[in-house]
N, C-alpha and C. Protein backbone atom coordinates (compact mmCIF):
# COMPACT_ATOMS: atom_id res chain seq x y z
N MET A 1 -75.92 -74.91 89.10
CA MET A 1 -75.72 -73.49 88.92
C MET A 1 -74.39 -73.04 89.54
N LYS A 2 -74.12 -73.54 90.76
CA LYS A 2 -72.86 -73.17 91.41
C LYS A 2 -71.66 -73.66 90.62
N ARG A 3 -71.81 -74.83 90.01
CA ARG A 3 -70.72 -75.39 89.22
C ARG A 3 -70.44 -74.50 88.00
N LEU A 4 -71.49 -74.02 87.37
CA LEU A 4 -71.36 -73.13 86.21
C LEU A 4 -70.70 -71.81 86.63
N GLN A 5 -71.11 -71.25 87.75
CA GLN A 5 -70.50 -70.01 88.24
C GLN A 5 -69.03 -70.22 88.56
N ALA A 6 -68.70 -71.34 89.15
CA ALA A 6 -67.31 -71.63 89.48
C ALA A 6 -66.46 -71.74 88.22
N SER A 7 -67.00 -72.39 87.20
CA SER A 7 -66.22 -72.53 85.96
C SER A 7 -66.04 -71.17 85.28
N HIS A 8 -67.05 -70.31 85.35
CA HIS A 8 -66.90 -68.95 84.80
C HIS A 8 -65.84 -68.17 85.56
N PHE A 9 -65.79 -68.35 86.86
CA PHE A 9 -64.79 -67.67 87.67
C PHE A 9 -63.39 -68.14 87.30
N VAL A 10 -63.21 -69.45 87.11
CA VAL A 10 -61.90 -70.01 86.75
C VAL A 10 -61.47 -69.48 85.39
N ILE A 11 -62.38 -69.45 84.44
CA ILE A 11 -62.06 -68.94 83.10
C ILE A 11 -61.67 -67.47 83.17
N ALA A 12 -62.41 -66.68 83.92
CA ALA A 12 -62.09 -65.26 84.05
C ALA A 12 -60.72 -65.07 84.70
N ALA A 13 -60.41 -65.88 85.70
CA ALA A 13 -59.11 -65.79 86.36
C ALA A 13 -57.97 -66.14 85.40
N LEU A 14 -58.18 -67.14 84.57
CA LEU A 14 -57.16 -67.52 83.59
C LEU A 14 -56.91 -66.40 82.59
N PHE A 15 -57.98 -65.77 82.10
CA PHE A 15 -57.81 -64.66 81.17
C PHE A 15 -57.10 -63.48 81.83
N ALA A 16 -57.42 -63.19 83.06
CA ALA A 16 -56.78 -62.09 83.78
C ALA A 16 -55.29 -62.37 83.96
N THR A 17 -54.95 -63.59 84.34
CA THR A 17 -53.55 -63.98 84.52
C THR A 17 -52.80 -63.87 83.20
N SER A 18 -53.42 -64.30 82.12
CA SER A 18 -52.80 -64.23 80.80
C SER A 18 -52.54 -62.79 80.40
N ALA A 19 -53.49 -61.89 80.66
CA ALA A 19 -53.32 -60.48 80.31
C ALA A 19 -52.18 -59.85 81.09
N ILE A 20 -52.08 -60.18 82.36
CA ILE A 20 -50.99 -59.66 83.18
C ILE A 20 -49.65 -60.17 82.67
N ALA A 21 -49.59 -61.44 82.34
CA ALA A 21 -48.34 -62.02 81.83
C ALA A 21 -47.92 -61.36 80.52
N GLN A 22 -48.88 -61.05 79.66
CA GLN A 22 -48.54 -60.40 78.40
C GLN A 22 -48.02 -58.99 78.63
N GLN A 23 -48.57 -58.27 79.60
CA GLN A 23 -48.10 -56.91 79.89
C GLN A 23 -46.67 -56.94 80.42
N GLU A 24 -46.32 -57.99 81.14
CA GLU A 24 -45.00 -58.09 81.73
C GLU A 24 -44.15 -59.07 80.94
N ALA A 25 -44.34 -59.10 79.61
CA ALA A 25 -43.71 -60.10 78.75
C ALA A 25 -42.19 -60.02 78.78
N GLY A 26 -41.62 -58.89 79.08
CA GLY A 26 -40.17 -58.82 79.09
C GLY A 26 -39.67 -57.42 79.35
N MET A 27 -38.37 -57.36 79.45
CA MET A 27 -37.71 -56.10 79.71
C MET A 27 -36.79 -55.78 78.54
N VAL A 28 -36.55 -54.50 78.34
CA VAL A 28 -35.70 -54.03 77.26
C VAL A 28 -34.66 -53.09 77.85
N LYS A 29 -33.41 -53.26 77.43
CA LYS A 29 -32.35 -52.35 77.88
C LYS A 29 -32.44 -51.08 77.03
N VAL A 30 -32.66 -49.96 77.70
CA VAL A 30 -32.84 -48.68 77.00
C VAL A 30 -31.68 -47.74 77.33
N ASP A 31 -31.01 -47.26 76.28
CA ASP A 31 -29.94 -46.28 76.41
C ASP A 31 -30.59 -44.93 76.64
N LEU A 32 -30.29 -44.30 77.77
CA LEU A 32 -30.93 -43.04 78.14
C LEU A 32 -30.10 -41.79 77.83
N ALA A 33 -28.94 -41.94 77.21
CA ALA A 33 -28.04 -40.81 76.99
C ALA A 33 -28.70 -39.65 76.25
N THR A 34 -29.48 -39.95 75.24
CA THR A 34 -30.10 -38.91 74.42
C THR A 34 -31.11 -38.08 75.18
N VAL A 35 -31.76 -38.68 76.17
CA VAL A 35 -32.82 -37.98 76.91
C VAL A 35 -32.41 -37.64 78.34
N ALA A 36 -31.14 -37.84 78.67
CA ALA A 36 -30.68 -37.62 80.05
C ALA A 36 -30.93 -36.20 80.53
N ASP A 37 -30.66 -35.21 79.69
CA ASP A 37 -30.89 -33.81 80.09
C ASP A 37 -32.36 -33.55 80.40
N THR A 38 -33.23 -34.04 79.55
CA THR A 38 -34.67 -33.85 79.74
C THR A 38 -35.15 -34.56 81.01
N LEU A 39 -34.71 -35.80 81.20
CA LEU A 39 -35.09 -36.54 82.40
C LEU A 39 -34.64 -35.80 83.65
N ALA A 40 -33.38 -35.36 83.66
CA ALA A 40 -32.83 -34.67 84.82
C ALA A 40 -33.63 -33.40 85.13
N LYS A 41 -33.94 -32.64 84.10
CA LYS A 41 -34.70 -31.40 84.29
C LYS A 41 -36.09 -31.70 84.84
N ASN A 42 -36.77 -32.69 84.26
CA ASN A 42 -38.14 -32.99 84.64
C ASN A 42 -38.29 -33.60 86.03
N ILE A 43 -37.27 -34.37 86.46
CA ILE A 43 -37.37 -34.95 87.80
C ILE A 43 -36.49 -34.20 88.81
N LYS A 44 -35.93 -33.08 88.33
CA LYS A 44 -35.20 -32.15 89.19
C LYS A 44 -34.00 -32.80 89.93
N VAL A 45 -33.12 -33.44 89.12
CA VAL A 45 -31.88 -33.99 89.66
C VAL A 45 -30.74 -33.58 88.74
N ASP A 46 -29.53 -33.72 89.23
CA ASP A 46 -28.35 -33.45 88.42
C ASP A 46 -28.26 -34.50 87.32
N VAL A 47 -27.93 -34.07 86.10
CA VAL A 47 -27.87 -34.98 84.96
C VAL A 47 -26.88 -36.13 85.19
N ALA A 48 -25.88 -35.90 86.00
CA ALA A 48 -24.89 -36.95 86.29
C ALA A 48 -25.52 -38.13 87.03
N LYS A 49 -26.65 -37.92 87.66
CA LYS A 49 -27.32 -39.00 88.40
C LYS A 49 -28.18 -39.90 87.51
N ILE A 50 -28.48 -39.45 86.30
CA ILE A 50 -29.29 -40.25 85.38
C ILE A 50 -28.45 -41.43 84.90
N PRO A 51 -28.96 -42.65 85.04
CA PRO A 51 -28.19 -43.81 84.59
C PRO A 51 -28.01 -43.81 83.07
N ALA A 52 -26.92 -44.39 82.61
CA ALA A 52 -26.66 -44.47 81.17
C ALA A 52 -27.71 -45.32 80.47
N SER A 53 -28.17 -46.36 81.15
CA SER A 53 -29.21 -47.21 80.59
C SER A 53 -29.99 -47.86 81.72
N MET A 54 -31.18 -48.36 81.37
CA MET A 54 -32.02 -49.05 82.35
C MET A 54 -32.78 -50.16 81.64
N GLU A 55 -33.12 -51.19 82.39
CA GLU A 55 -34.01 -52.24 81.90
C GLU A 55 -35.44 -51.75 82.16
N LEU A 56 -36.23 -51.64 81.10
CA LEU A 56 -37.59 -51.13 81.21
C LEU A 56 -38.59 -52.11 80.63
N PRO A 57 -39.85 -52.07 81.10
CA PRO A 57 -40.89 -52.90 80.49
C PRO A 57 -41.03 -52.56 79.00
N VAL A 58 -41.38 -53.55 78.20
CA VAL A 58 -41.47 -53.39 76.75
C VAL A 58 -42.31 -52.18 76.34
N GLY A 59 -43.48 -52.00 76.95
CA GLY A 59 -44.36 -50.90 76.56
C GLY A 59 -43.75 -49.53 76.77
N ILE A 60 -43.08 -49.35 77.89
CA ILE A 60 -42.45 -48.06 78.18
C ILE A 60 -41.24 -47.86 77.29
N ALA A 61 -40.47 -48.92 77.08
CA ALA A 61 -39.31 -48.85 76.19
C ALA A 61 -39.75 -48.48 74.77
N ALA A 62 -40.82 -49.07 74.30
CA ALA A 62 -41.31 -48.79 72.95
C ALA A 62 -41.66 -47.31 72.81
N GLY A 63 -42.33 -46.75 73.80
CA GLY A 63 -42.66 -45.33 73.75
C GLY A 63 -41.43 -44.44 73.78
N ALA A 64 -40.49 -44.78 74.64
CA ALA A 64 -39.27 -43.98 74.77
C ALA A 64 -38.41 -44.05 73.51
N CYS A 65 -38.41 -45.19 72.85
CA CYS A 65 -37.55 -45.39 71.68
C CYS A 65 -38.27 -45.14 70.36
N GLY A 66 -39.57 -44.86 70.42
CA GLY A 66 -40.32 -44.60 69.20
C GLY A 66 -40.41 -45.81 68.29
N MET A 67 -40.56 -46.98 68.88
CA MET A 67 -40.64 -48.23 68.11
C MET A 67 -41.87 -49.01 68.53
N PRO A 68 -42.39 -49.85 67.66
CA PRO A 68 -43.49 -50.71 68.06
C PRO A 68 -43.02 -51.72 69.11
N ALA A 69 -43.85 -51.98 70.09
CA ALA A 69 -43.51 -52.93 71.14
C ALA A 69 -43.19 -54.31 70.58
N ALA A 70 -43.87 -54.68 69.51
CA ALA A 70 -43.64 -56.00 68.90
C ALA A 70 -42.20 -56.17 68.44
N LYS A 71 -41.56 -55.09 68.01
CA LYS A 71 -40.16 -55.18 67.57
C LYS A 71 -39.20 -55.30 68.74
N LEU A 72 -39.61 -54.84 69.91
CA LEU A 72 -38.74 -54.86 71.08
C LEU A 72 -38.93 -56.07 71.97
N ALA A 73 -40.05 -56.73 71.82
CA ALA A 73 -40.33 -57.87 72.69
C ALA A 73 -39.23 -58.92 72.54
N PRO A 74 -38.77 -59.47 73.67
CA PRO A 74 -37.74 -60.51 73.59
C PRO A 74 -38.19 -61.64 72.66
N GLY A 75 -37.31 -62.01 71.76
CA GLY A 75 -37.62 -63.08 70.82
C GLY A 75 -38.38 -62.62 69.59
N ALA A 76 -38.67 -61.32 69.48
CA ALA A 76 -39.38 -60.82 68.30
C ALA A 76 -38.48 -60.97 67.08
N ASP A 77 -39.07 -61.28 65.94
CA ASP A 77 -38.29 -61.51 64.73
C ASP A 77 -37.50 -60.28 64.28
N GLY A 78 -38.13 -59.11 64.33
CA GLY A 78 -37.52 -57.94 63.74
C GLY A 78 -36.62 -57.13 64.65
N GLY A 79 -36.45 -57.50 65.90
CA GLY A 79 -35.68 -56.63 66.76
C GLY A 79 -35.00 -57.36 67.88
N GLY A 80 -34.38 -56.61 68.73
CA GLY A 80 -33.69 -57.18 69.86
C GLY A 80 -34.31 -56.72 71.14
N SER A 81 -33.54 -56.82 72.18
CA SER A 81 -34.06 -56.39 73.47
C SER A 81 -33.29 -55.17 73.97
N ALA A 82 -32.95 -54.27 73.05
CA ALA A 82 -32.27 -53.03 73.41
C ALA A 82 -32.67 -51.94 72.42
N CYS A 83 -32.67 -50.69 72.89
CA CYS A 83 -32.96 -49.56 72.01
C CYS A 83 -32.42 -48.28 72.64
N LYS A 84 -32.44 -47.21 71.86
CA LYS A 84 -31.97 -45.91 72.31
C LYS A 84 -33.16 -44.97 72.46
N ALA A 85 -33.34 -44.42 73.65
CA ALA A 85 -34.46 -43.52 73.91
C ALA A 85 -34.35 -42.26 73.06
N THR A 86 -35.48 -41.85 72.52
CA THR A 86 -35.52 -40.62 71.73
C THR A 86 -36.45 -39.58 72.35
N THR A 87 -37.24 -40.01 73.32
CA THR A 87 -38.18 -39.11 73.98
C THR A 87 -38.43 -39.57 75.41
N SER A 88 -38.84 -38.64 76.24
CA SER A 88 -39.18 -38.96 77.62
C SER A 88 -40.68 -39.09 77.75
N SER A 89 -41.11 -39.61 78.88
CA SER A 89 -42.54 -39.70 79.17
C SER A 89 -42.70 -39.69 80.69
N VAL A 90 -43.90 -39.47 81.14
CA VAL A 90 -44.17 -39.48 82.57
C VAL A 90 -43.80 -40.84 83.17
N GLU A 91 -44.14 -41.92 82.45
CA GLU A 91 -43.83 -43.26 82.95
C GLU A 91 -42.33 -43.48 83.05
N LEU A 92 -41.59 -43.06 82.03
CA LEU A 92 -40.13 -43.21 82.04
C LEU A 92 -39.53 -42.40 83.19
N GLU A 93 -39.99 -41.17 83.34
CA GLU A 93 -39.49 -40.32 84.41
C GLU A 93 -39.76 -40.94 85.78
N ARG A 94 -40.93 -41.52 85.95
CA ARG A 94 -41.29 -42.15 87.22
C ARG A 94 -40.36 -43.34 87.50
N LEU A 95 -40.07 -44.14 86.48
CA LEU A 95 -39.19 -45.30 86.68
C LEU A 95 -37.76 -44.87 87.01
N VAL A 96 -37.28 -43.84 86.31
CA VAL A 96 -35.92 -43.34 86.60
C VAL A 96 -35.87 -42.77 88.01
N GLU A 97 -36.88 -42.00 88.37
CA GLU A 97 -36.93 -41.42 89.72
C GLU A 97 -36.95 -42.51 90.79
N ASN A 98 -37.75 -43.55 90.59
CA ASN A 98 -37.79 -44.67 91.54
C ASN A 98 -36.45 -45.39 91.59
N HIS A 99 -35.80 -45.53 90.44
CA HIS A 99 -34.49 -46.16 90.40
C HIS A 99 -33.47 -45.38 91.22
N LEU A 100 -33.54 -44.06 91.13
CA LEU A 100 -32.60 -43.22 91.87
C LEU A 100 -32.85 -43.26 93.38
N LYS A 101 -34.09 -43.55 93.78
CA LYS A 101 -34.43 -43.62 95.20
C LYS A 101 -34.06 -44.96 95.83
N MET A 102 -33.79 -45.95 95.00
CA MET A 102 -33.45 -47.28 95.53
C MET A 102 -32.10 -47.23 96.24
N PRO A 103 -31.98 -47.94 97.37
CA PRO A 103 -30.71 -47.96 98.07
C PRO A 103 -29.64 -48.66 97.23
N LYS A 104 -28.44 -48.13 97.27
CA LYS A 104 -27.31 -48.73 96.54
C LYS A 104 -26.92 -50.04 97.24
N GLN A 105 -26.60 -51.03 96.43
CA GLN A 105 -26.21 -52.34 97.03
C GLN A 105 -24.74 -52.57 96.85
């Protein structure tokens, strides 16, 4: 019985690891110029502080660029790993805000 429980635990752990890896499958370079004014207003900073572009997780990039994530995933047949943002989102705003808080190197 313990052996069966252990194997179920290992299988569950493998599935969980696989799901996490798929969520973090890659990053996409997103041009933020089109939404810079909106981002600046929503996170209450000067528009000049908004970066021209950022590397974002595929899911957030897909939402910001209005494209299916499958087209943006690195190595996807129909697309590349870059896009132009057409809309903002709470997730995008949070990432930009965190980026601005990071110490300059």
